[in-house]
């Protein structure tokens, strides 16, 4: 069982990519291979932007602000979409929590 699945994320949670993933652009979308588990992931355009933002420790609030700017969406939508996506990354053990409330 992955212990990260029980973590509760907030806008102030700070996360970062885990080592061992190879990401590449494919026709405007980000695809990734997790070397550890051998799984491929298609992160899509928005997911690719979120993934790149997670290259260094960053809060969900900061990522959501960036997504709001890039994709011109309301703040609440950007925040909820980023939390949902990052929770999936956390469940797959692709990111780790650096700090959180």
N, C-alpha and C. Protein backbone atom coordinates (compact mmCIF):
# COMPACT_ATOMS: atom_id res chain seq x y z
N UNK A 1 0.84 -1.19 0.00
CA UNK A 1 0.00 0.00 0.00
C UNK A 1 0.88 1.24 0.00
N UNK A 2 0.50 2.18 -0.79
CA UNK A 2 1.21 3.45 -0.87
C UNK A 2 0.72 4.36 0.24
N UNK A 3 1.61 4.77 1.11
CA UNK A 3 1.23 5.63 2.24
C UNK A 3 0.76 7.00 1.79
N UNK A 4 1.20 7.42 0.59
CA UNK A 4 0.82 8.74 0.12
C UNK A 4 -0.68 8.86 -0.16
N UNK A 5 -1.37 7.75 -0.40
CA UNK A 5 -2.79 7.83 -0.76
C UNK A 5 -3.64 8.39 0.38
N UNK A 6 -3.11 8.38 1.59
CA UNK A 6 -3.89 8.89 2.71
C UNK A 6 -3.62 10.37 2.96
N UNK A 7 -2.68 10.95 2.21
CA UNK A 7 -2.34 12.35 2.40
C UNK A 7 -3.49 13.24 1.91
N UNK A 8 -3.73 14.31 2.63
CA UNK A 8 -4.72 15.28 2.23
C UNK A 8 -3.99 16.51 1.73
N UNK A 9 -4.30 16.87 0.50
CA UNK A 9 -3.63 18.02 -0.10
C UNK A 9 -4.42 19.29 0.15
N UNK A 10 -3.69 20.38 0.25
CA UNK A 10 -4.32 21.70 0.34
C UNK A 10 -3.56 22.62 -0.61
N UNK A 11 -4.03 23.82 -0.76
CA UNK A 11 -3.37 24.77 -1.65
C UNK A 11 -1.96 25.09 -1.18
N UNK A 12 -1.69 24.90 0.10
CA UNK A 12 -0.36 25.20 0.63
C UNK A 12 0.57 23.99 0.66
N UNK A 13 0.10 22.84 0.22
CA UNK A 13 0.97 21.66 0.14
C UNK A 13 2.05 21.93 -0.90
N UNK A 14 3.29 21.58 -0.55
CA UNK A 14 4.43 21.75 -1.46
C UNK A 14 4.89 20.36 -1.88
N UNK A 15 4.97 20.17 -3.19
CA UNK A 15 5.34 18.86 -3.73
C UNK A 15 6.46 19.01 -4.75
N UNK A 16 7.07 17.86 -5.08
CA UNK A 16 8.13 17.84 -6.08
C UNK A 16 8.10 16.49 -6.79
N UNK A 17 8.59 16.45 -8.02
CA UNK A 17 8.69 15.20 -8.77
C UNK A 17 9.60 14.23 -8.03
N UNK A 18 9.29 12.94 -8.11
CA UNK A 18 10.20 11.91 -7.63
C UNK A 18 11.19 11.60 -8.75
N UNK A 19 12.35 11.09 -8.37
CA UNK A 19 13.37 10.68 -9.34
C UNK A 19 12.88 9.42 -10.07
N UNK A 20 13.47 9.17 -11.24
CA UNK A 20 13.21 7.92 -11.94
C UNK A 20 12.12 7.97 -12.98
N UNK A 21 11.78 9.16 -13.46
CA UNK A 21 10.78 9.29 -14.50
C UNK A 21 11.41 9.96 -15.71
N UNK A 22 11.07 9.44 -16.88
CA UNK A 22 11.57 10.02 -18.12
C UNK A 22 10.36 10.61 -18.85
N UNK A 23 10.37 11.92 -19.04
CA UNK A 23 9.26 12.60 -19.70
C UNK A 23 9.70 13.15 -21.04
N UNK A 24 8.76 13.17 -21.98
CA UNK A 24 9.06 13.69 -23.30
C UNK A 24 7.80 14.31 -23.89
N UNK A 25 7.99 15.24 -24.81
CA UNK A 25 6.86 15.85 -25.51
C UNK A 25 6.53 15.02 -26.74
N UNK A 26 5.22 14.81 -26.96
CA UNK A 26 4.77 14.08 -28.12
C UNK A 26 3.54 14.79 -28.67
N UNK A 27 3.72 15.47 -29.79
CA UNK A 27 2.62 16.21 -30.42
C UNK A 27 1.92 17.16 -29.45
N UNK A 28 2.70 17.89 -28.67
CA UNK A 28 2.14 18.89 -27.77
C UNK A 28 1.68 18.34 -26.43
N UNK A 29 1.77 17.03 -26.25
CA UNK A 29 1.39 16.44 -24.97
C UNK A 29 2.60 15.81 -24.32
N UNK A 30 2.58 15.78 -23.02
CA UNK A 30 3.69 15.21 -22.26
C UNK A 30 3.39 13.74 -21.97
N UNK A 31 4.34 12.88 -22.31
CA UNK A 31 4.24 11.46 -21.96
C UNK A 31 5.42 11.13 -21.05
N UNK A 32 5.21 10.14 -20.18
CA UNK A 32 6.22 9.86 -19.19
C UNK A 32 6.32 8.36 -18.94
N UNK A 33 7.52 7.91 -18.72
CA UNK A 33 7.78 6.52 -18.33
C UNK A 33 8.33 6.53 -16.92
N UNK A 34 7.70 5.75 -16.05
CA UNK A 34 8.24 5.55 -14.71
C UNK A 34 9.13 4.33 -14.78
N UNK A 35 10.42 4.54 -14.67
CA UNK A 35 11.39 3.47 -14.82
C UNK A 35 11.20 2.41 -13.73
N UNK A 36 10.81 2.83 -12.55
CA UNK A 36 10.67 1.93 -11.41
C UNK A 36 9.56 0.90 -11.62
N UNK A 37 8.37 1.38 -12.07
CA UNK A 37 7.26 0.43 -12.20
C UNK A 37 6.98 0.05 -13.66
N UNK A 38 7.69 0.67 -14.61
CA UNK A 38 7.52 0.33 -16.02
C UNK A 38 6.26 0.85 -16.66
N UNK A 39 5.53 1.73 -15.98
CA UNK A 39 4.27 2.27 -16.52
C UNK A 39 4.53 3.51 -17.35
N UNK A 40 3.73 3.63 -18.42
CA UNK A 40 3.71 4.85 -19.22
C UNK A 40 2.51 5.68 -18.81
N UNK A 41 2.68 6.98 -18.85
CA UNK A 41 1.59 7.90 -18.53
C UNK A 41 1.49 8.95 -19.61
N UNK A 42 0.28 9.22 -20.07
CA UNK A 42 0.05 10.36 -20.96
C UNK A 42 -0.52 11.47 -20.10
N UNK A 43 0.29 12.48 -19.86
CA UNK A 43 -0.12 13.56 -18.96
C UNK A 43 -0.97 14.61 -19.66
N UNK A 44 -0.99 14.60 -20.99
CA UNK A 44 -1.75 15.60 -21.72
C UNK A 44 -1.08 16.96 -21.65
N UNK A 45 -1.74 17.93 -22.23
CA UNK A 45 -1.16 19.28 -22.29
C UNK A 45 -1.14 19.94 -20.91
N UNK A 46 -2.28 19.93 -20.23
CA UNK A 46 -2.36 20.58 -18.92
C UNK A 46 -1.51 19.81 -17.90
N UNK A 47 -1.62 18.50 -17.93
CA UNK A 47 -0.83 17.67 -17.02
C UNK A 47 0.66 17.86 -17.24
N UNK A 48 1.04 18.04 -18.50
CA UNK A 48 2.44 18.28 -18.81
C UNK A 48 2.94 19.58 -18.20
N UNK A 49 2.10 20.61 -18.24
CA UNK A 49 2.47 21.90 -17.62
C UNK A 49 2.61 21.73 -16.10
N UNK A 50 1.68 20.98 -15.51
CA UNK A 50 1.75 20.76 -14.07
C UNK A 50 3.00 19.96 -13.73
N UNK A 51 3.29 18.94 -14.54
CA UNK A 51 4.47 18.11 -14.30
C UNK A 51 5.74 18.96 -14.35
N UNK A 52 5.84 19.82 -15.34
CA UNK A 52 7.03 20.67 -15.45
C UNK A 52 7.16 21.61 -14.26
N UNK A 53 6.01 22.11 -13.77
CA UNK A 53 6.05 23.00 -12.60
C UNK A 53 6.57 22.27 -11.37
N UNK A 54 6.38 20.94 -11.33
CA UNK A 54 6.79 20.15 -10.18
C UNK A 54 8.26 19.73 -10.24
N UNK A 55 9.01 20.26 -11.20
CA UNK A 55 10.44 19.92 -11.32
C UNK A 55 11.22 20.35 -10.08
N UNK A 56 10.77 21.41 -9.44
CA UNK A 56 11.37 21.85 -8.18
C UNK A 56 10.21 22.07 -7.19
N UNK A 57 10.49 22.03 -5.90
CA UNK A 57 9.40 22.14 -4.92
C UNK A 57 8.53 23.38 -5.16
N UNK A 58 7.23 23.15 -5.19
CA UNK A 58 6.28 24.22 -5.49
C UNK A 58 4.95 23.90 -4.81
N UNK A 59 4.23 24.95 -4.42
CA UNK A 59 2.93 24.73 -3.76
C UNK A 59 1.85 24.54 -4.82
N UNK A 60 0.79 23.89 -4.42
CA UNK A 60 -0.35 23.71 -5.31
C UNK A 60 -0.92 25.07 -5.68
N UNK A 61 -0.91 26.00 -4.75
CA UNK A 61 -1.42 27.35 -5.04
C UNK A 61 -0.62 28.01 -6.17
N UNK A 62 0.70 27.84 -6.14
CA UNK A 62 1.54 28.43 -7.19
C UNK A 62 1.27 27.77 -8.54
N UNK A 63 1.13 26.44 -8.54
CA UNK A 63 0.84 25.74 -9.79
C UNK A 63 -0.51 26.18 -10.34
N UNK A 64 -1.51 26.26 -9.47
CA UNK A 64 -2.85 26.66 -9.90
C UNK A 64 -2.83 28.07 -10.48
N UNK A 65 -2.07 28.95 -9.88
CA UNK A 65 -1.95 30.31 -10.40
C UNK A 65 -1.36 30.32 -11.80
N UNK A 66 -0.36 29.48 -12.01
CA UNK A 66 0.27 29.38 -13.32
C UNK A 66 -0.71 28.81 -14.34
N UNK A 67 -1.48 27.78 -13.95
CA UNK A 67 -2.45 27.17 -14.87
C UNK A 67 -3.57 28.16 -15.21
N UNK A 68 -3.96 28.94 -14.21
CA UNK A 68 -5.00 29.95 -14.43
C UNK A 68 -4.54 30.95 -15.50
N UNK A 69 -3.28 31.33 -15.40
CA UNK A 69 -2.71 32.28 -16.35
C UNK A 69 -2.59 31.69 -17.75
N UNK A 70 -2.03 30.50 -17.84
CA UNK A 70 -1.77 29.87 -19.13
C UNK A 70 -3.07 29.53 -19.85
N UNK A 71 -4.03 28.94 -19.14
CA UNK A 71 -5.23 28.42 -19.79
C UNK A 71 -6.45 29.33 -19.61
N UNK A 72 -6.26 30.47 -18.96
CA UNK A 72 -7.31 31.48 -18.79
C UNK A 72 -8.60 30.85 -18.25
N UNK A 73 -8.48 30.22 -17.10
CA UNK A 73 -9.63 29.59 -16.43
C UNK A 73 -9.81 30.25 -15.07
N UNK A 74 -11.02 30.17 -14.50
CA UNK A 74 -11.25 30.74 -13.16
C UNK A 74 -10.34 30.09 -12.12
N UNK A 75 -9.99 30.84 -11.10
CA UNK A 75 -9.08 30.37 -10.05
C UNK A 75 -9.58 29.09 -9.39
N UNK A 76 -10.88 29.04 -9.10
CA UNK A 76 -11.42 27.87 -8.40
C UNK A 76 -11.28 26.61 -9.25
N UNK A 77 -11.52 26.74 -10.54
CA UNK A 77 -11.40 25.59 -11.44
C UNK A 77 -9.95 25.14 -11.53
N UNK A 78 -9.04 26.09 -11.67
CA UNK A 78 -7.61 25.75 -11.75
C UNK A 78 -7.16 25.06 -10.47
N UNK A 79 -7.58 25.58 -9.33
CA UNK A 79 -7.17 24.99 -8.05
C UNK A 79 -7.68 23.57 -7.90
N UNK A 80 -8.96 23.35 -8.22
CA UNK A 80 -9.52 22.01 -8.05
C UNK A 80 -8.89 21.03 -9.04
N UNK A 81 -8.69 21.47 -10.29
CA UNK A 81 -8.08 20.58 -11.28
C UNK A 81 -6.65 20.22 -10.89
N UNK A 82 -5.89 21.19 -10.38
CA UNK A 82 -4.51 20.91 -9.97
C UNK A 82 -4.49 19.96 -8.78
N UNK A 83 -5.35 20.19 -7.80
CA UNK A 83 -5.40 19.28 -6.64
C UNK A 83 -5.73 17.86 -7.10
N UNK A 84 -6.74 17.72 -7.97
CA UNK A 84 -7.13 16.39 -8.44
C UNK A 84 -5.99 15.71 -9.19
N UNK A 85 -5.33 16.46 -10.07
CA UNK A 85 -4.24 15.88 -10.87
C UNK A 85 -3.05 15.51 -9.99
N UNK A 86 -2.67 16.40 -9.09
CA UNK A 86 -1.53 16.13 -8.22
C UNK A 86 -1.85 14.96 -7.28
N UNK A 87 -3.10 14.83 -6.85
CA UNK A 87 -3.48 13.69 -6.02
C UNK A 87 -3.26 12.38 -6.79
N UNK A 88 -3.60 12.38 -8.08
CA UNK A 88 -3.35 11.19 -8.91
C UNK A 88 -1.86 10.91 -9.01
N UNK A 89 -1.05 11.94 -9.19
CA UNK A 89 0.40 11.75 -9.25
C UNK A 89 0.91 11.18 -7.92
N UNK A 90 0.36 11.68 -6.83
CA UNK A 90 0.74 11.20 -5.51
C UNK A 90 0.34 9.74 -5.33
N UNK A 91 -0.86 9.39 -5.78
CA UNK A 91 -1.33 8.01 -5.66
C UNK A 91 -0.45 7.05 -6.47
N UNK A 92 0.11 7.54 -7.58
CA UNK A 92 0.99 6.72 -8.42
C UNK A 92 2.44 6.78 -7.94
N UNK A 93 2.68 7.51 -6.85
CA UNK A 93 4.02 7.64 -6.27
C UNK A 93 5.00 8.33 -7.22
N UNK A 94 4.48 9.27 -8.02
CA UNK A 94 5.31 10.00 -8.97
C UNK A 94 5.81 11.33 -8.41
N UNK A 95 5.17 11.79 -7.34
CA UNK A 95 5.59 13.02 -6.66
C UNK A 95 5.63 12.75 -5.17
N UNK A 96 6.32 13.61 -4.46
CA UNK A 96 6.35 13.49 -3.00
C UNK A 96 6.02 14.84 -2.38
N UNK A 97 5.49 14.77 -1.17
CA UNK A 97 5.15 15.99 -0.44
C UNK A 97 6.39 16.47 0.29
N UNK A 98 6.75 17.72 0.03
CA UNK A 98 7.90 18.33 0.71
C UNK A 98 7.43 18.92 2.05
N UNK A 99 6.31 19.61 2.00
CA UNK A 99 5.70 20.15 3.23
C UNK A 99 4.24 20.41 2.96
N UNK A 100 3.49 20.42 4.00
CA UNK A 100 2.05 20.68 3.86
C UNK A 100 1.46 21.00 5.20
N UNK A 101 0.23 21.50 5.16
CA UNK A 101 -0.43 21.84 6.42
C UNK A 101 -0.81 20.60 7.20
